[in-house]
Amino acid sequence: MYKKIIGYLKGMKKEQLLIYGLLAGLLFVVAVPAKKTAGTAETQTKTAAEKVSREPEDLCRRMEAQLAAALSRMDGVGKVEVMITLESSSKKEVEKDVPTSKNSQEETADGRKTSTLSDSSEETTVYEKDASGGQTPYVVSEIMPQVRGVLVVAEGADNPQVVSQISEGIMALFRVEAHKIKVVKMK
């Protein structure tokens, strides 16, 4: 077998050997990194999603930074600092399997009919297997924490129009009532 391959290769011109060698090298270079890159992107996406759901403090800090950046770009606001408080941490809703059973019995005693109806259900959590073979509860949805209140300290807060614009922007972004927003002047 090896003799046939060596005989075939000896019969080829050097240019043909060079072209086949380059093609094989190119295929190897293209195929190998593609698998690693896809796996890395999936891992990074999973890690980022897990980090968001596990750390509500980080979520709050990111929201504060984004709101401060947006408000500082508004006309008349100037320098701004923001503090946001959340109601609670995020909540995950897991899938539940709830089989129910109903039984009914009818008895006749002393000329009277008696019927008994019983209803039972049992709730169990649905699990999914991860890559390592472990089981984790199957998450149907995740409810992000609600904003409890927002404090904005801004240079331009002495202008009532600026205060109104800041409050309206916060109400639009976080669906929070006006009485949960406080805008004060920065010293």
N, C-alpha and C. Protein backbone atom coordinates (compact mmCIF):
# COMPACT_ATOMS: atom_id res chain seq x y z
N MET A 1 0.83 -1.19 0.00
CA MET A 1 0.00 0.00 0.00
C MET A 1 0.87 1.26 0.00
N TYR A 2 1.85 1.26 0.92
CA TYR A 2 2.75 2.42 0.98
C TYR A 2 3.55 2.56 -0.31
N LYS A 3 3.91 1.43 -0.91
CA LYS A 3 4.69 1.46 -2.15
C LYS A 3 3.88 2.11 -3.28
N LYS A 4 2.57 1.85 -3.31
CA LYS A 4 1.72 2.45 -4.33
C LYS A 4 1.65 3.97 -4.16
N ILE A 5 1.51 4.40 -2.90
CA ILE A 5 1.43 5.84 -2.62
C ILE A 5 2.74 6.51 -2.98
N ILE A 6 3.86 5.92 -2.57
CA ILE A 6 5.18 6.49 -2.86
C ILE A 6 5.42 6.50 -4.36
N GLY A 7 5.02 5.45 -5.05
CA GLY A 7 5.16 5.40 -6.50
C GLY A 7 4.32 6.48 -7.18
N TYR A 8 3.12 6.72 -6.66
CA TYR A 8 2.24 7.75 -7.22
C TYR A 8 2.85 9.13 -7.02
N LEU A 9 3.37 9.36 -5.81
CA LEU A 9 3.97 10.67 -5.50
C LEU A 9 5.23 10.91 -6.32
N LYS A 10 6.05 9.85 -6.58
CA LYS A 10 7.27 10.01 -7.38
C LYS A 10 6.94 10.34 -8.82
N GLY A 11 5.81 9.89 -9.30
CA GLY A 11 5.42 10.14 -10.67
C GLY A 11 4.85 11.55 -10.88
N MET A 12 4.57 12.28 -9.78
CA MET A 12 4.01 13.63 -9.89
C MET A 12 5.11 14.65 -10.08
N LYS A 13 4.75 15.75 -10.68
CA LYS A 13 5.69 16.86 -10.82
C LYS A 13 5.80 17.60 -9.50
N LYS A 14 6.89 18.31 -9.31
CA LYS A 14 7.11 19.05 -8.07
C LYS A 14 6.03 20.11 -7.85
N GLU A 15 5.57 20.75 -8.91
CA GLU A 15 4.53 21.77 -8.79
C GLU A 15 3.22 21.18 -8.28
N GLN A 16 2.89 19.98 -8.75
CA GLN A 16 1.68 19.31 -8.29
C GLN A 16 1.78 18.95 -6.82
N LEU A 17 2.94 18.44 -6.41
CA LEU A 17 3.15 18.11 -5.01
C LEU A 17 3.02 19.35 -4.13
N LEU A 18 3.58 20.45 -4.58
CA LEU A 18 3.54 21.71 -3.83
C LEU A 18 2.09 22.19 -3.69
N ILE A 19 1.33 22.13 -4.76
CA ILE A 19 -0.07 22.57 -4.74
C ILE A 19 -0.90 21.70 -3.80
N TYR A 20 -0.73 20.37 -3.88
CA TYR A 20 -1.47 19.47 -2.99
C TYR A 20 -1.08 19.68 -1.53
N GLY A 21 0.20 19.91 -1.28
CA GLY A 21 0.67 20.17 0.09
C GLY A 21 0.09 21.46 0.64
N LEU A 22 0.05 22.51 -0.17
CA LEU A 22 -0.53 23.79 0.26
C LEU A 22 -2.03 23.66 0.51
N LEU A 23 -2.72 22.94 -0.35
CA LEU A 23 -4.16 22.73 -0.15
C LEU A 23 -4.44 21.97 1.14
N ALA A 24 -3.66 20.94 1.42
CA ALA A 24 -3.84 20.17 2.65
C ALA A 24 -3.57 21.06 3.88
N GLY A 25 -2.52 21.87 3.81
CA GLY A 25 -2.21 22.78 4.92
C GLY A 25 -3.31 23.81 5.12
N LEU A 26 -3.82 24.35 4.03
CA LEU A 26 -4.89 25.34 4.11
C LEU A 26 -6.16 24.74 4.72
N LEU A 27 -6.52 23.54 4.31
CA LEU A 27 -7.69 22.87 4.88
C LEU A 27 -7.51 22.63 6.37
N PHE A 28 -6.31 22.25 6.77
CA PHE A 28 -6.03 22.02 8.18
C PHE A 28 -6.17 23.32 8.97
N VAL A 29 -5.61 24.41 8.48
CA VAL A 29 -5.67 25.70 9.17
C VAL A 29 -7.11 26.21 9.26
N VAL A 30 -7.87 26.05 8.22
CA VAL A 30 -9.26 26.53 8.22
C VAL A 30 -10.13 25.68 9.14
N ALA A 31 -9.96 24.39 9.15
CA ALA A 31 -10.84 23.50 9.92
C ALA A 31 -10.58 23.56 11.42
N VAL A 32 -9.37 23.60 11.85
CA VAL A 32 -9.05 23.52 13.28
C VAL A 32 -9.51 24.76 14.05
N PRO A 33 -9.16 25.99 13.66
CA PRO A 33 -9.59 27.15 14.46
C PRO A 33 -11.10 27.36 14.46
N ALA A 34 -11.80 26.92 13.43
CA ALA A 34 -13.24 27.13 13.37
C ALA A 34 -13.94 26.45 14.54
N LYS A 35 -13.53 25.26 14.90
CA LYS A 35 -14.13 24.54 16.02
C LYS A 35 -13.83 25.26 17.33
N LYS A 36 -12.60 25.70 17.54
CA LYS A 36 -12.23 26.36 18.78
C LYS A 36 -12.95 27.69 18.93
N THR A 37 -13.06 28.46 17.86
CA THR A 37 -13.71 29.76 17.92
C THR A 37 -15.17 29.62 18.27
N ALA A 38 -15.87 28.67 17.66
CA ALA A 38 -17.29 28.49 17.95
C ALA A 38 -17.50 28.09 19.39
N GLY A 39 -16.70 27.18 19.90
CA GLY A 39 -16.82 26.75 21.29
C GLY A 39 -16.54 27.89 22.25
N THR A 40 -15.54 28.71 21.93
CA THR A 40 -15.20 29.83 22.79
C THR A 40 -16.32 30.85 22.83
N ALA A 41 -16.94 31.13 21.70
CA ALA A 41 -18.04 32.10 21.66
C ALA A 41 -19.22 31.60 22.48
N GLU A 42 -19.53 30.30 22.36
CA GLU A 42 -20.63 29.75 23.14
C GLU A 42 -20.33 29.83 24.64
N THR A 43 -19.09 29.52 24.99
CA THR A 43 -18.71 29.56 26.41
C THR A 43 -18.80 30.98 26.94
N GLN A 44 -18.34 31.96 26.16
CA GLN A 44 -18.39 33.35 26.59
C GLN A 44 -19.83 33.81 26.75
N THR A 45 -20.72 33.43 25.83
CA THR A 45 -22.12 33.81 25.92
C THR A 45 -22.76 33.19 27.14
N LYS A 46 -22.51 31.90 27.39
CA LYS A 46 -23.06 31.23 28.56
C LYS A 46 -22.58 31.87 29.85
N THR A 47 -21.26 32.15 29.92
CA THR A 47 -20.68 32.74 31.11
C THR A 47 -21.29 34.11 31.37
N ALA A 48 -21.46 34.92 30.34
CA ALA A 48 -22.05 36.25 30.51
C ALA A 48 -23.49 36.15 30.99
N ALA A 49 -24.26 35.22 30.44
CA ALA A 49 -25.66 35.07 30.86
C ALA A 49 -25.74 34.60 32.30
N GLU A 50 -24.88 33.66 32.69
CA GLU A 50 -24.89 33.18 34.07
C GLU A 50 -24.49 34.29 35.03
N LYS A 51 -23.53 35.12 34.63
CA LYS A 51 -23.06 36.20 35.49
C LYS A 51 -24.18 37.20 35.74
N VAL A 52 -24.95 37.54 34.70
CA VAL A 52 -26.04 38.49 34.86
C VAL A 52 -27.08 37.95 35.83
N SER A 53 -27.45 36.68 35.68
CA SER A 53 -28.50 36.13 36.52
C SER A 53 -28.05 35.91 37.95
N ARG A 54 -26.75 35.67 38.19
CA ARG A 54 -26.28 35.39 39.53
C ARG A 54 -25.94 36.64 40.32
N GLU A 55 -25.69 37.74 39.67
CA GLU A 55 -25.20 38.90 40.37
C GLU A 55 -26.07 40.13 40.12
N PRO A 56 -27.13 40.31 40.91
CA PRO A 56 -27.99 41.47 40.72
C PRO A 56 -27.27 42.78 41.03
N GLU A 57 -26.23 42.73 41.89
CA GLU A 57 -25.48 43.95 42.19
C GLU A 57 -24.78 44.46 40.93
N ASP A 58 -24.22 43.53 40.15
CA ASP A 58 -23.57 43.93 38.90
C ASP A 58 -24.58 44.50 37.92
N LEU A 59 -25.76 43.91 37.87
CA LEU A 59 -26.82 44.42 37.02
C LEU A 59 -27.17 45.85 37.42
N CYS A 60 -27.28 46.08 38.71
CA CYS A 60 -27.62 47.41 39.23
C CYS A 60 -26.52 48.41 38.87
N ARG A 61 -25.26 48.02 39.04
CA ARG A 61 -24.14 48.92 38.70
C ARG A 61 -24.13 49.25 37.21
N ARG A 62 -24.39 48.25 36.37
CA ARG A 62 -24.42 48.51 34.92
C ARG A 62 -25.57 49.46 34.58
N MET A 63 -26.72 49.24 35.20
CA MET A 63 -27.86 50.12 34.95
C MET A 63 -27.53 51.55 35.38
N GLU A 64 -26.89 51.71 36.53
CA GLU A 64 -26.50 53.04 37.01
C GLU A 64 -25.54 53.71 36.04
N ALA A 65 -24.54 52.96 35.58
CA ALA A 65 -23.56 53.52 34.66
C ALA A 65 -24.21 53.93 33.34
N GLN A 66 -25.09 53.09 32.81
CA GLN A 66 -25.74 53.40 31.54
C GLN A 66 -26.66 54.62 31.69
N LEU A 67 -27.39 54.68 32.80
CA LEU A 67 -28.29 55.82 33.03
C LEU A 67 -27.48 57.10 33.20
N ALA A 68 -26.39 57.05 33.96
CA ALA A 68 -25.55 58.23 34.16
C ALA A 68 -24.97 58.72 32.84
N ALA A 69 -24.53 57.78 32.00
CA ALA A 69 -23.97 58.16 30.69
C ALA A 69 -25.04 58.81 29.82
N ALA A 70 -26.24 58.27 29.82
CA ALA A 70 -27.32 58.83 29.00
C ALA A 70 -27.74 60.21 29.51
N LEU A 71 -27.89 60.34 30.83
CA LEU A 71 -28.32 61.62 31.39
C LEU A 71 -27.27 62.71 31.18
N SER A 72 -26.01 62.36 31.27
CA SER A 72 -24.96 63.37 31.11
C SER A 72 -24.91 63.92 29.69
N ARG A 73 -25.47 63.20 28.73
CA ARG A 73 -25.54 63.68 27.34
C ARG A 73 -26.73 64.60 27.11
N MET A 74 -27.65 64.65 28.05
CA MET A 74 -28.83 65.50 27.89
C MET A 74 -28.43 66.96 28.08
N ASP A 75 -29.11 67.83 27.36
CA ASP A 75 -28.84 69.26 27.42
C ASP A 75 -29.17 69.82 28.80
N GLY A 76 -28.21 70.48 29.41
CA GLY A 76 -28.43 71.16 30.67
C GLY A 76 -28.21 70.33 31.91
N VAL A 77 -27.97 69.04 31.77
CA VAL A 77 -27.81 68.16 32.93
C VAL A 77 -26.42 68.32 33.54
N GLY A 78 -25.38 68.33 32.73
CA GLY A 78 -24.01 68.44 33.23
C GLY A 78 -23.54 67.13 33.83
N LYS A 79 -22.62 67.26 34.82
CA LYS A 79 -22.13 66.06 35.50
C LYS A 79 -23.26 65.42 36.29
N VAL A 80 -23.24 64.10 36.36
CA VAL A 80 -24.35 63.41 37.01
C VAL A 80 -23.85 62.14 37.71
N GLU A 81 -24.48 61.84 38.84
CA GLU A 81 -24.25 60.58 39.55
C GLU A 81 -25.62 59.95 39.78
N VAL A 82 -25.67 58.62 39.69
CA VAL A 82 -26.95 57.91 39.78
C VAL A 82 -26.84 56.77 40.79
N MET A 83 -27.91 56.58 41.55
CA MET A 83 -28.01 55.42 42.45
C MET A 83 -29.37 54.78 42.22
N ILE A 84 -29.36 53.47 42.00
CA ILE A 84 -30.59 52.71 41.76
C ILE A 84 -30.69 51.62 42.82
N THR A 85 -31.88 51.48 43.39
CA THR A 85 -32.12 50.36 44.31
C THR A 85 -33.14 49.43 43.67
N LEU A 86 -32.96 48.13 43.92
CA LEU A 86 -33.84 47.12 43.34
C LEU A 86 -34.69 46.48 44.42
N GLU A 87 -35.86 45.99 44.04
CA GLU A 87 -36.78 45.34 44.98
C GLU A 87 -36.17 44.07 45.56
N SER A 88 -35.65 43.22 44.70
CA SER A 88 -35.11 41.94 45.15
C SER A 88 -34.18 41.42 44.07
N SER A 89 -33.67 40.24 44.27
CA SER A 89 -32.84 39.64 43.23
C SER A 89 -33.74 39.06 42.14
N SER A 90 -33.12 38.62 41.06
CA SER A 90 -33.90 38.03 39.98
C SER A 90 -34.48 36.69 40.44
N LYS A 91 -35.60 36.32 39.85
CA LYS A 91 -36.27 35.08 40.20
C LYS A 91 -36.35 34.20 38.96
N LYS A 92 -36.03 32.93 39.16
CA LYS A 92 -36.12 31.97 38.06
C LYS A 92 -37.34 31.11 38.26
N GLU A 93 -38.11 30.95 37.20
CA GLU A 93 -39.29 30.10 37.24
C GLU A 93 -38.92 28.78 36.58
N VAL A 94 -39.00 27.69 37.34
CA VAL A 94 -38.62 26.38 36.80
C VAL A 94 -39.86 25.62 36.35
N GLU A 95 -39.65 24.73 35.38
CA GLU A 95 -40.72 23.91 34.83
C GLU A 95 -41.13 22.85 35.86
N LYS A 96 -42.42 22.70 36.05
CA LYS A 96 -42.96 21.71 36.98
C LYS A 96 -43.85 20.75 36.22
N ASP A 97 -43.75 19.50 36.58
CA ASP A 97 -44.62 18.46 36.03
C ASP A 97 -45.67 18.18 37.10
N VAL A 98 -46.95 18.38 36.76
CA VAL A 98 -48.03 18.23 37.74
C VAL A 98 -49.06 17.21 37.24
N PRO A 99 -48.79 15.92 37.46
CA PRO A 99 -49.80 14.93 37.08
C PRO A 99 -50.94 14.92 38.11
N THR A 100 -52.15 14.80 37.64
CA THR A 100 -53.32 14.77 38.53
C THR A 100 -54.08 13.47 38.31
N SER A 101 -54.75 13.06 39.35
CA SER A 101 -55.60 11.88 39.22
C SER A 101 -56.91 12.14 39.97
N LYS A 102 -58.00 11.63 39.42
CA LYS A 102 -59.33 11.79 40.02
C LYS A 102 -59.96 10.42 40.19
N ASN A 103 -60.53 10.21 41.33
CA ASN A 103 -61.24 8.97 41.62
C ASN A 103 -62.64 9.29 42.10
N SER A 104 -63.58 8.54 41.62
CA SER A 104 -64.94 8.71 42.12
C SER A 104 -65.52 7.32 42.41
N GLN A 105 -66.21 7.24 43.52
CA GLN A 105 -66.83 5.99 43.92
C GLN A 105 -68.29 6.25 44.28
N GLU A 106 -69.11 5.32 43.89
CA GLU A 106 -70.53 5.41 44.27
C GLU A 106 -70.88 4.17 45.07
N GLU A 107 -71.52 4.39 46.19
CA GLU A 107 -71.94 3.28 47.04
C GLU A 107 -73.43 3.42 47.33
N THR A 108 -74.07 2.29 47.43
CA THR A 108 -75.48 2.28 47.78
C THR A 108 -75.62 1.52 49.09
N ALA A 109 -76.13 2.22 50.09
CA ALA A 109 -76.33 1.58 51.40
C ALA A 109 -77.67 2.06 51.95
N ASP A 110 -78.46 1.14 52.44
CA ASP A 110 -79.78 1.43 53.02
C ASP A 110 -80.65 2.24 52.07
N GLY A 111 -80.53 1.98 50.77
CA GLY A 111 -81.36 2.64 49.79
C GLY A 111 -80.88 4.05 49.41
N ARG A 112 -79.78 4.48 50.00
CA ARG A 112 -79.25 5.82 49.67
C ARG A 112 -77.97 5.66 48.84
N LYS A 113 -77.83 6.56 47.91
CA LYS A 113 -76.64 6.56 47.07
C LYS A 113 -75.64 7.54 47.67
N THR A 114 -74.41 7.08 47.83
CA THR A 114 -73.34 7.93 48.34
C THR A 114 -72.22 7.94 47.31
N SER A 115 -71.76 9.12 46.97
CA SER A 115 -70.64 9.20 46.03
C SER A 115 -69.46 9.91 46.70
N THR A 116 -68.30 9.40 46.43
CA THR A 116 -67.07 9.97 46.98
C THR A 116 -66.19 10.37 45.81
N LEU A 117 -65.70 11.58 45.86
CA LEU A 117 -64.84 12.10 44.80
C LEU A 117 -63.52 12.50 45.43
N SER A 118 -62.44 11.96 44.93
CA SER A 118 -61.12 12.35 45.45
C SER A 118 -60.25 12.84 44.29
N ASP A 119 -59.47 13.84 44.58
CA ASP A 119 -58.63 14.49 43.58
C ASP A 119 -57.23 14.64 44.18
N SER A 120 -56.22 14.19 43.45
CA SER A 120 -54.86 14.33 43.98
C SER A 120 -53.92 14.78 42.86
N SER A 121 -52.91 15.52 43.27
CA SER A 121 -51.89 15.94 42.31
C SER A 121 -50.54 15.93 43.01
N GLU A 122 -49.52 15.74 42.23
CA GLU A 122 -48.16 15.68 42.76
C GLU A 122 -47.28 16.54 41.86
N GLU A 123 -46.55 17.47 42.45
CA GLU A 123 -45.73 18.39 41.68
C GLU A 123 -44.27 17.97 41.77
N THR A 124 -43.63 17.81 40.60
CA THR A 124 -42.21 17.49 40.56
C THR A 124 -41.50 18.44 39.60
N THR A 125 -40.26 18.75 39.93
CA THR A 125 -39.46 19.66 39.10
C THR A 125 -38.89 18.90 37.92
N VAL A 126 -38.89 19.55 36.74
CA VAL A 126 -38.32 18.98 35.53
C VAL A 126 -36.84 19.36 35.49
N TYR A 127 -35.98 18.39 35.23
CA TYR A 127 -34.54 18.61 35.19
C TYR A 127 -34.01 18.40 33.78
N GLU A 128 -32.88 19.09 33.48
CA GLU A 128 -32.19 18.87 32.22
C GLU A 128 -30.75 18.50 32.53
N LYS A 129 -30.14 17.72 31.66
CA LYS A 129 -28.75 17.30 31.86
C LYS A 129 -27.83 18.32 31.19
N ASP A 130 -26.75 18.68 31.90
CA ASP A 130 -25.77 19.58 31.31
C ASP A 130 -24.66 18.77 30.66
N ALA A 131 -23.65 19.45 30.13
CA ALA A 131 -22.59 18.79 29.38
C ALA A 131 -21.80 17.81 30.23
N SER A 132 -21.68 18.07 31.52
CA SER A 132 -20.90 17.20 32.39
C SER A 132 -21.72 16.02 32.93
N GLY A 133 -22.99 15.94 32.57
CA GLY A 133 -23.84 14.84 33.01
C GLY A 133 -24.65 15.14 34.25
N GLY A 134 -24.44 16.31 34.86
CA GLY A 134 -25.21 16.70 36.04
C GLY A 134 -26.60 17.16 35.66
N GLN A 135 -27.48 17.25 36.64
CA GLN A 135 -28.84 17.68 36.39
C GLN A 135 -29.07 19.05 37.02
N THR A 136 -29.72 19.91 36.27
CA THR A 136 -30.10 21.22 36.77
C THR A 136 -31.58 21.44 36.45
N PRO A 137 -32.29 22.19 37.29
CA PRO A 137 -33.71 22.45 37.00
C PRO A 137 -33.85 23.20 35.68
N TYR A 138 -34.88 22.84 34.92
CA TYR A 138 -35.16 23.48 33.63
C TYR A 138 -35.84 24.82 33.89
N VAL A 139 -35.14 25.91 33.53
CA VAL A 139 -35.64 27.26 33.77
C VAL A 139 -36.51 27.69 32.59
N VAL A 140 -37.78 28.01 32.88
CA VAL A 140 -38.72 28.44 31.86
C VAL A 140 -38.54 29.92 31.57
N SER A 141 -38.41 30.72 32.64
CA SER A 141 -38.23 32.16 32.47
C SER A 141 -37.49 32.71 33.68
N GLU A 142 -36.94 33.89 33.49
CA GLU A 142 -36.26 34.58 34.57
C GLU A 142 -36.85 35.97 34.70
N ILE A 143 -37.28 36.30 35.88
CA ILE A 143 -37.89 37.60 36.13
C ILE A 143 -36.82 38.49 36.74
N MET A 144 -36.49 39.55 36.03
CA MET A 144 -35.46 40.47 36.50
C MET A 144 -36.03 41.30 37.65
N PRO A 145 -35.16 41.77 38.55
CA PRO A 145 -35.65 42.55 39.69
C PRO A 145 -36.24 43.88 39.26
N GLN A 146 -37.24 44.34 39.99
CA GLN A 146 -37.89 45.61 39.71
C GLN A 146 -37.12 46.75 40.38
N VAL A 147 -37.14 47.91 39.75
CA VAL A 147 -36.48 49.09 40.32
C VAL A 147 -37.36 49.64 41.44
N ARG A 148 -36.77 49.80 42.63
CA ARG A 148 -37.49 50.34 43.78
C ARG A 148 -37.43 51.87 43.79
N GLY A 149 -36.25 52.42 43.48
CA GLY A 149 -36.11 53.86 43.49
C GLY A 149 -34.85 54.31 42.77
N VAL A 150 -34.84 55.58 42.35
CA VAL A 150 -33.70 56.13 41.63
C VAL A 150 -33.38 57.50 42.21
N LEU A 151 -32.11 57.71 42.52
CA LEU A 151 -31.62 59.01 42.97
C LEU A 151 -30.64 59.53 41.93
N VAL A 152 -30.87 60.77 41.49
CA VAL A 152 -29.99 61.39 40.51
C VAL A 152 -29.45 62.69 41.11
N VAL A 153 -28.13 62.81 41.14
CA VAL A 153 -27.47 64.03 41.60
C VAL A 153 -26.85 64.65 40.36
N ALA A 154 -27.37 65.83 39.95
CA ALA A 154 -26.94 66.44 38.69
C ALA A 154 -26.60 67.92 38.89
N GLU A 155 -25.64 68.40 38.10
CA GLU A 155 -25.26 69.82 38.17
C GLU A 155 -26.42 70.72 37.75
N GLY A 156 -27.17 70.30 36.75
CA GLY A 156 -28.24 71.13 36.20
C GLY A 156 -29.58 70.95 36.87
N ALA A 157 -29.62 70.37 38.06
CA ALA A 157 -30.89 70.08 38.73
C ALA A 157 -31.56 71.32 39.31
N ASP A 158 -30.93 72.49 39.20
CA ASP A 158 -31.59 73.71 39.67
C ASP A 158 -32.60 74.23 38.66
N ASN A 159 -32.60 73.67 37.45
CA ASN A 159 -33.54 74.05 36.40
C ASN A 159 -34.72 73.07 36.42
N PRO A 160 -35.95 73.55 36.66
CA PRO A 160 -37.11 72.64 36.73
C PRO A 160 -37.35 71.85 35.44
N GLN A 161 -37.03 72.44 34.29
CA GLN A 161 -37.22 71.71 33.03
C GLN A 161 -36.25 70.52 32.94
N VAL A 162 -35.03 70.70 33.39
CA VAL A 162 -34.05 69.62 33.38
C VAL A 162 -34.49 68.52 34.33
N VAL A 163 -34.97 68.89 35.51
CA VAL A 163 -35.46 67.90 36.48
C VAL A 163 -36.62 67.11 35.89
N SER A 164 -37.52 67.79 35.20
CA SER A 164 -38.67 67.13 34.56
C SER A 164 -38.21 66.16 33.48
N GLN A 165 -37.25 66.59 32.66
CA GLN A 165 -36.75 65.71 31.60
C GLN A 165 -36.06 64.47 32.18
N ILE A 166 -35.29 64.66 33.24
CA ILE A 166 -34.61 63.53 33.88
C ILE A 166 -35.65 62.55 34.42
N SER A 167 -36.65 63.07 35.14
CA SER A 167 -37.69 62.21 35.72
C SER A 167 -38.46 61.46 34.64
N GLU A 168 -38.84 62.15 33.57
CA GLU A 168 -39.59 61.51 32.50
C GLU A 168 -38.75 60.42 31.81
N GLY A 169 -37.46 60.68 31.64
CA GLY A 169 -36.58 59.68 31.04
C GLY A 169 -36.49 58.43 31.89
N ILE A 170 -36.37 58.62 33.20
CA ILE A 170 -36.27 57.48 34.11
C ILE A 170 -37.59 56.70 34.13
N MET A 171 -38.71 57.42 34.14
CA MET A 171 -40.02 56.74 34.13
C MET A 171 -40.18 55.91 32.86
N ALA A 172 -39.71 56.43 31.74
CA ALA A 172 -39.82 55.70 30.47
C ALA A 172 -38.91 54.48 30.45
N LEU A 173 -37.71 54.60 30.99
CA LEU A 173 -36.76 53.48 30.96
C LEU A 173 -37.12 52.36 31.91
N PHE A 174 -37.48 52.72 33.14
CA PHE A 174 -37.64 51.70 34.18
C PHE A 174 -39.07 51.45 34.61
N ARG A 175 -40.03 52.14 34.01
CA ARG A 175 -41.45 51.99 34.37
C ARG A 175 -41.65 52.16 35.88
N VAL A 176 -41.05 53.20 36.40
CA VAL A 176 -41.13 53.49 37.82
C VAL A 176 -41.95 54.78 37.99
N GLU A 177 -42.72 54.85 39.07
CA GLU A 177 -43.58 56.01 39.31
C GLU A 177 -42.74 57.23 39.70
N ALA A 178 -43.31 58.41 39.48
CA ALA A 178 -42.59 59.66 39.73
C ALA A 178 -42.17 59.81 41.19
N HIS A 179 -42.97 59.32 42.13
CA HIS A 179 -42.63 59.47 43.54
C HIS A 179 -41.46 58.59 43.98
N LYS A 180 -40.99 57.71 43.10
CA LYS A 180 -39.83 56.87 43.40
C LYS A 180 -38.55 57.41 42.77
N ILE A 181 -38.63 58.63 42.22
CA ILE A 181 -37.48 59.26 41.58
C ILE A 181 -37.19 60.57 42.32
N LYS A 182 -35.93 60.75 42.67
CA LYS A 182 -35.51 61.99 43.33
C LYS A 182 -34.33 62.56 42.55
N VAL A 183 -34.48 63.82 42.10
CA VAL A 183 -33.42 64.51 41.37
C VAL A 183 -33.00 65.70 42.21
N VAL A 184 -31.70 65.77 42.54
CA VAL A 184 -31.17 66.86 43.38
C VAL A 184 -29.96 67.49 42.72
N LYS A 185 -29.68 68.74 43.14
CA LYS A 185 -28.56 69.50 42.58
C LYS A 185 -27.25 69.03 43.19
N MET A 186 -26.24 68.93 42.32
CA MET A 186 -24.90 68.55 42.77
C MET A 186 -24.21 69.78 43.35
N LYS A 187 -23.46 69.60 44.44
CA LYS A 187 -22.75 70.75 45.03
C LYS A 187 -21.43 70.99 44.38
